[in-house]
Protein backbone atom coordinates (compact mmCIF):
# COMPACT_ATOMS: atom_id res chain seq x y z
CA MET A 1 0.00 0.00 0.00
CA THR A 2 1.33 3.45 -0.89
CA ALA A 3 1.44 6.42 1.42
CA GLU A 4 -1.23 8.03 -0.74
CA THR A 5 -3.71 5.26 -0.08
CA GLU A 6 -2.82 5.17 3.60
CA VAL A 7 -4.25 8.69 4.03
CA ASN A 8 -7.47 7.63 2.30
CA PRO A 9 -8.99 4.66 4.13
CA ALA A 10 -12.02 4.52 1.81
CA ALA A 11 -9.80 4.22 -1.26
CA ALA A 12 -7.72 1.51 0.41
CA MET A 13 -10.81 -0.43 1.48
CA TRP A 14 -12.56 -0.33 -1.91
CA GLY A 15 -9.39 -1.16 -3.79
CA SER A 16 -8.23 -3.94 -1.49
CA THR A 17 -9.82 -6.76 -3.49
CA GLY A 18 -8.44 -5.67 -6.86
CA ALA A 19 -9.53 -7.69 -9.87
CA ALA A 20 -11.73 -9.93 -7.68
CA TYR A 21 -14.20 -7.02 -7.54
CA ASP A 22 -15.07 -7.86 -11.14
CA GLY A 23 -17.04 -10.77 -9.68
CA ILE A 24 -19.23 -8.24 -7.89
CA SER A 25 -19.72 -6.38 -11.17
CA PHE A 26 -20.66 -9.73 -12.75
CA GLY A 27 -23.47 -9.98 -10.22
CA LEU A 28 -24.58 -6.44 -11.11
CA SER A 29 -24.10 -6.85 -14.83
CA ASP A 30 -27.79 -6.52 -15.71
CA ALA A 31 -28.06 -3.05 -14.18
CA ILE A 32 -24.63 -2.02 -15.48
CA SER A 33 -25.61 -3.03 -19.00
CA HIS A 34 -28.92 -1.17 -18.74
CA THR A 35 -27.12 1.97 -17.58
CA VAL A 36 -24.82 1.84 -20.60
CA GLN A 37 -27.90 1.34 -22.78
CA LEU A 38 -29.50 4.41 -21.21
CA LEU A 39 -26.41 6.41 -22.11
CA TRP A 40 -26.16 4.71 -25.54
CA PRO A 41 -22.51 5.51 -26.30
CA ARG A 42 -21.76 6.14 -29.96
CA SER A 43 -18.60 5.51 -31.89
CA GLY A 44 -16.10 8.31 -31.41
CA GLU A 45 -17.85 9.91 -28.45
CA GLN A 46 -16.01 10.93 -25.30
CA ILE A 47 -17.54 9.15 -22.28
CA LEU A 48 -16.70 9.50 -18.58
CA ASP A 49 -17.34 6.65 -16.12
CA ILE A 50 -17.34 7.86 -12.50
CA GLY A 51 -16.48 5.28 -9.86
CA THR A 52 -15.44 2.87 -12.60
CA GLY A 53 -14.35 0.09 -10.22
CA THR A 54 -12.86 -2.68 -12.36
CA GLY A 55 -14.22 -0.99 -15.47
CA TRP A 56 -17.15 -3.23 -16.43
CA ALA A 57 -19.27 -0.32 -17.72
CA ALA A 58 -16.22 1.34 -19.28
CA ARG A 59 -15.47 -1.80 -21.27
CA LEU A 60 -19.05 -2.07 -22.50
CA ALA A 61 -19.03 1.54 -23.70
CA ALA A 62 -15.62 1.18 -25.35
CA ARG A 63 -16.78 -1.88 -27.27
CA ARG A 64 -19.37 0.38 -28.90
CA GLY A 65 -16.53 2.54 -30.19
CA ALA A 66 -16.58 5.26 -27.52
CA HIS A 67 -13.43 6.79 -26.08
CA VAL A 68 -13.92 6.12 -22.38
CA THR A 69 -12.20 7.63 -19.39
CA GLY A 70 -12.84 5.82 -16.12
CA ILE A 71 -12.09 7.45 -12.79
CA ASP A 72 -12.01 6.02 -9.29
CA ILE A 73 -10.49 6.92 -5.92
CA ALA A 74 -9.02 3.43 -5.42
CA PRO A 75 -5.69 2.59 -7.07
CA GLY A 76 -6.42 -1.11 -6.59
CA MET A 77 -9.55 -0.78 -8.71
CA LEU A 78 -7.78 1.25 -11.40
CA ASP A 79 -4.92 -1.23 -11.72
CA ALA A 80 -7.41 -4.06 -12.11
CA ALA A 81 -9.52 -2.08 -14.59
CA ALA A 82 -6.52 -1.46 -16.83
CA GLN A 83 -5.55 -5.15 -16.73
CA LEU A 84 -9.08 -6.36 -17.48
CA ALA A 85 -9.52 -3.88 -20.34
CA ALA A 86 -6.37 -5.08 -22.14
CA GLY A 87 -7.23 -5.73 -25.77
CA THR A 88 -10.36 -3.56 -25.70
CA GLU A 89 -10.55 -1.15 -28.65
CA PRO A 90 -10.48 1.72 -28.19
CA MET A 91 -8.65 1.12 -24.92
CA PRO A 92 -10.26 3.01 -22.00
CA GLU A 93 -8.08 5.34 -19.99
CA PHE A 94 -8.21 4.96 -16.21
CA LEU A 95 -7.30 7.80 -13.84
CA ARG A 96 -7.40 8.38 -10.12
CA ALA A 97 -9.74 11.26 -9.34
CA PRO A 98 -12.66 12.06 -7.02
CA ALA A 99 -16.13 12.74 -8.42
CA GLU A 100 -16.29 16.09 -6.67
CA SER A 101 -13.09 17.44 -8.31
CA LEU A 102 -12.75 16.18 -11.88
CA PRO A 103 -9.43 16.90 -13.64
CA PHE A 104 -11.03 17.73 -16.99
CA GLU A 105 -11.81 20.86 -18.94
CA ASP A 106 -15.34 22.19 -19.38
CA ASP A 107 -17.57 20.52 -21.98
CA ARG A 108 -15.14 17.62 -22.45
CA PHE A 109 -17.58 14.69 -22.61
CA ASN A 110 -20.58 13.68 -24.69
CA GLY A 111 -21.81 11.52 -21.84
CA VAL A 112 -21.20 10.69 -18.18
CA MET A 113 -22.22 7.47 -16.47
CA SER A 114 -21.89 5.93 -13.02
CA THR A 115 -23.05 2.57 -11.76
CA TYR A 116 -23.30 2.60 -7.95
CA GLY A 117 -20.18 4.80 -7.84
CA VAL A 118 -20.94 8.50 -7.57
CA ILE A 119 -23.58 7.73 -4.93
CA PHE A 120 -20.75 7.29 -2.39
CA THR A 121 -19.31 10.77 -2.87
CA PRO A 122 -19.07 12.75 0.38
CA GLU A 123 -20.08 15.89 -1.55
CA PRO A 124 -23.09 15.18 -3.78
CA ALA A 125 -23.69 18.81 -4.77
CA ALA A 126 -20.07 19.22 -5.86
CA ALA A 127 -20.16 15.95 -7.81
CA ILE A 128 -23.31 17.05 -9.65
CA ASP A 129 -21.76 20.45 -10.38
CA GLU A 130 -18.72 18.68 -11.82
CA MET A 131 -20.82 16.39 -14.01
CA ALA A 132 -22.64 19.44 -15.37
CA ARG A 133 -19.35 21.23 -15.97
CA VAL A 134 -17.57 18.51 -17.93
CA VAL A 135 -20.48 17.34 -20.09
CA LYS A 136 -21.30 19.19 -23.29
CA PRO A 137 -24.58 21.14 -23.59
CA GLY A 138 -27.15 18.58 -24.66
CA GLY A 139 -24.90 15.76 -23.42
CA ARG A 140 -26.25 12.80 -21.47
CA ILE A 141 -25.83 11.27 -18.06
CA ALA A 142 -26.90 7.79 -16.96
CA LEU A 143 -26.78 6.52 -13.40
CA ALA A 144 -27.59 3.32 -11.57
CA THR A 145 -28.37 3.97 -7.91
CA TRP A 146 -29.78 1.91 -5.08
CA LEU A 147 -33.44 2.67 -4.47
CA ASP A 148 -34.12 4.19 -1.07
CA ALA A 149 -35.94 1.16 0.36
CA PRO A 150 -35.26 0.69 4.11
CA GLU A 151 -36.77 -2.80 4.09
CA GLY A 152 -35.04 -3.84 0.88
CA TYR A 153 -32.15 -6.23 0.43
CA ILE A 154 -29.47 -3.58 -0.14
CA ALA A 155 -30.27 -1.54 2.97
CA GLU A 156 -30.46 -4.70 5.08
CA PHE A 157 -27.22 -6.00 3.52
CA PHE A 158 -25.31 -2.87 4.48
CA GLY A 159 -27.01 -2.99 7.87
CA LEU A 160 -25.62 -6.50 8.36
CA ILE A 161 -22.10 -5.29 7.57
CA GLY A 162 -22.58 -2.31 9.87
CA ARG A 163 -23.46 -4.55 12.82
CA TRP A 164 -20.11 -6.31 12.48
CA SER A 165 -17.98 -3.31 11.56
CA ASP A 166 -16.57 -0.38 13.52
CA ALA A 167 -16.67 1.81 10.40
CA PRO A 168 -19.31 4.56 10.52
CA PRO A 169 -22.00 4.54 7.82
CA PRO A 170 -21.24 6.81 4.86
CA SER A 171 -22.44 10.38 5.20
CA PRO A 172 -24.35 11.72 3.43
CA SER A 173 -26.38 8.59 2.73
CA PRO A 174 -25.86 7.02 -0.70
CA PHE A 175 -29.54 6.11 -0.59
CA ASP A 176 -30.42 9.78 -1.19
CA TRP A 177 -29.55 9.08 -4.83
CA GLY A 178 -32.26 6.42 -4.85
CA ARG A 179 -35.09 8.92 -4.28
CA PRO A 180 -36.61 10.42 -7.44
CA ASP A 181 -37.61 13.59 -5.58
CA TRP A 182 -34.02 14.09 -4.39
CA ILE A 183 -32.66 13.46 -7.88
CA GLU A 184 -35.05 15.97 -9.46
CA SER A 185 -34.19 18.62 -6.86
CA ALA A 186 -30.43 18.00 -6.88
CA PHE A 187 -30.15 18.07 -10.67
CA ASP A 188 -32.61 20.92 -11.21
CA GLY A 189 -31.21 23.68 -13.38
CA ARG A 190 -28.44 21.48 -14.75
CA PHE A 191 -30.12 18.45 -16.31
CA ASP A 192 -33.56 17.39 -17.41
CA VAL A 193 -33.83 14.04 -15.64
CA ALA A 194 -36.10 11.02 -15.78
CA CYS A 195 -36.05 8.08 -13.36
CA ARG A 196 -37.23 4.50 -13.51
CA GLU A 197 -37.38 1.97 -10.71
CA GLN A 198 -36.02 -1.41 -11.66
CA GLU A 199 -35.38 -4.77 -10.08
CA THR A 200 -31.91 -6.16 -10.63
CA LEU A 201 -31.39 -9.86 -9.93
CA LEU A 202 -28.44 -11.83 -8.65
CA TYR A 203 -28.42 -15.55 -9.40
CA ALA A 204 -25.90 -17.81 -7.64
CA PRO A 205 -25.62 -21.55 -7.07
CA ASP A 206 -25.79 -21.38 -3.26
CA VAL A 207 -25.24 -19.07 -0.30
CA GLU A 208 -21.67 -20.30 0.19
CA THR A 209 -20.84 -19.05 -3.31
CA VAL A 210 -22.31 -15.64 -2.47
CA TRP A 211 -20.18 -15.52 0.68
CA THR A 212 -17.00 -16.41 -1.20
CA GLU A 213 -17.64 -13.83 -3.93
CA TYR A 214 -18.21 -11.06 -1.40
CA LEU A 215 -15.37 -12.04 0.91
CA GLU A 216 -12.90 -12.13 -1.97
CA GLY A 217 -14.31 -9.29 -4.06
CA PHE A 218 -16.23 -6.73 -2.01
CA GLY A 219 -14.11 -4.34 0.02
CA PRO A 220 -16.58 -3.66 2.86
CA VAL A 221 -17.10 -7.38 3.53
CA ALA A 222 -13.39 -8.20 3.18
CA ALA A 223 -12.38 -5.34 5.47
CA THR A 224 -15.00 -6.19 8.08
CA HIS A 225 -13.94 -9.83 8.12
CA ALA A 226 -10.23 -8.97 8.33
CA ALA A 227 -10.77 -6.54 11.23
CA LEU A 228 -12.63 -9.07 13.39
CA PRO A 229 -10.85 -11.17 15.99
CA GLU A 230 -10.23 -14.66 14.70
CA GLU A 231 -12.85 -16.14 17.02
CA ASN A 232 -15.57 -13.84 15.63
CA ARG A 233 -14.96 -14.36 11.93
CA SER A 234 -16.94 -17.60 11.77
CA GLU A 235 -19.86 -15.84 13.49
CA PHE A 236 -19.80 -13.11 10.85
CA ARG A 237 -19.78 -15.77 8.13
CA ASP A 238 -22.68 -17.60 9.77
CA ALA A 239 -24.69 -14.36 10.02
CA PHE A 240 -23.98 -13.62 6.34
CA LEU A 241 -25.12 -17.09 5.29
CA ALA A 242 -28.23 -16.93 7.47
CA PHE A 243 -29.16 -13.55 5.98
CA HIS A 244 -29.03 -15.02 2.46
CA ARG A 245 -30.74 -18.37 3.07
CA PRO A 246 -34.28 -16.97 2.62
CA TYR A 247 -33.28 -16.26 -1.00
CA GLU A 248 -32.68 -19.94 -1.79
CA THR A 249 -35.00 -21.31 -4.48
CA HIS A 250 -35.17 -24.33 -6.77
CA LEU A 251 -32.93 -22.31 -9.14
CA GLY A 252 -30.34 -21.67 -6.47
CA VAL A 253 -30.02 -18.32 -4.75
CA VAL A 254 -32.10 -15.57 -6.39
CA ILE A 255 -31.72 -12.10 -4.86
CA PRO A 256 -33.91 -9.24 -6.08
CA ARG A 257 -32.45 -5.78 -5.49
CA ARG A 258 -34.33 -2.56 -6.18
CA ALA A 259 -32.48 0.06 -8.19
CA LEU A 260 -33.23 3.48 -9.61
CA LEU A 261 -31.98 4.21 -13.11
CA VAL A 262 -31.55 7.87 -13.97
CA ARG A 263 -31.13 9.47 -17.39
CA GLY A 264 -30.43 13.17 -17.82
CA ILE A 265 -29.87 15.65 -20.62
CA ALA A 266 -27.60 18.63 -19.89
CA LYS A 267 -29.30 21.97 -20.25
CA SER A 268 -27.70 24.55 -22.53
């Protein structure tokens, strides 16, 4: 770990699993694909992917001929994204940068997308200002966010992690981005936005597979597990498995997760 990542615990945590995070993106691939479809990248366009992770959305957009720049705060994610994108034409460029301070000139991009990335910014207003600044007039944005559903799987999943972790919950809440009224207010004056609620599904063979994917690929689960005393790690695993057993079906594990997809057009 570099000194730079040491001063940014969030970046270190999210990047700690490296290329294994692509397995998490695999489980989100339906919503990621739909977000790229909402943006509909065209050949030759300049596209920005905020919170690119291992670059799943960036690779999809590049395969449609777009010139994609993916940003993330986590060097571990960016290194993995570059490795996984090898051979993609045109090759995406991956840079370390925060959503609230983009290192690009005004009106640089035809489109901006983010799949469960920008929602974790500590400064939503600044991130929205930056998206509006770097996208061309009439340009598009497309976002996948978690629907603000307190009783839903995602909220309860993060609640499970929170009960076993000393880390404070993110502030402001990423679930703000999952409220259509918040989106319309936050983007007012910058973008004409439209939202659609959608169910995204994760299929897996069994709950043990889900545990392994998250332990190896998802920073918050990996960090929580690593920080626990050895004698408590099996209890965390058991709680994780118990939480997921109600989703077992004759097809294996089927987990419905409620998302909000957002499309916007930049105002002139």
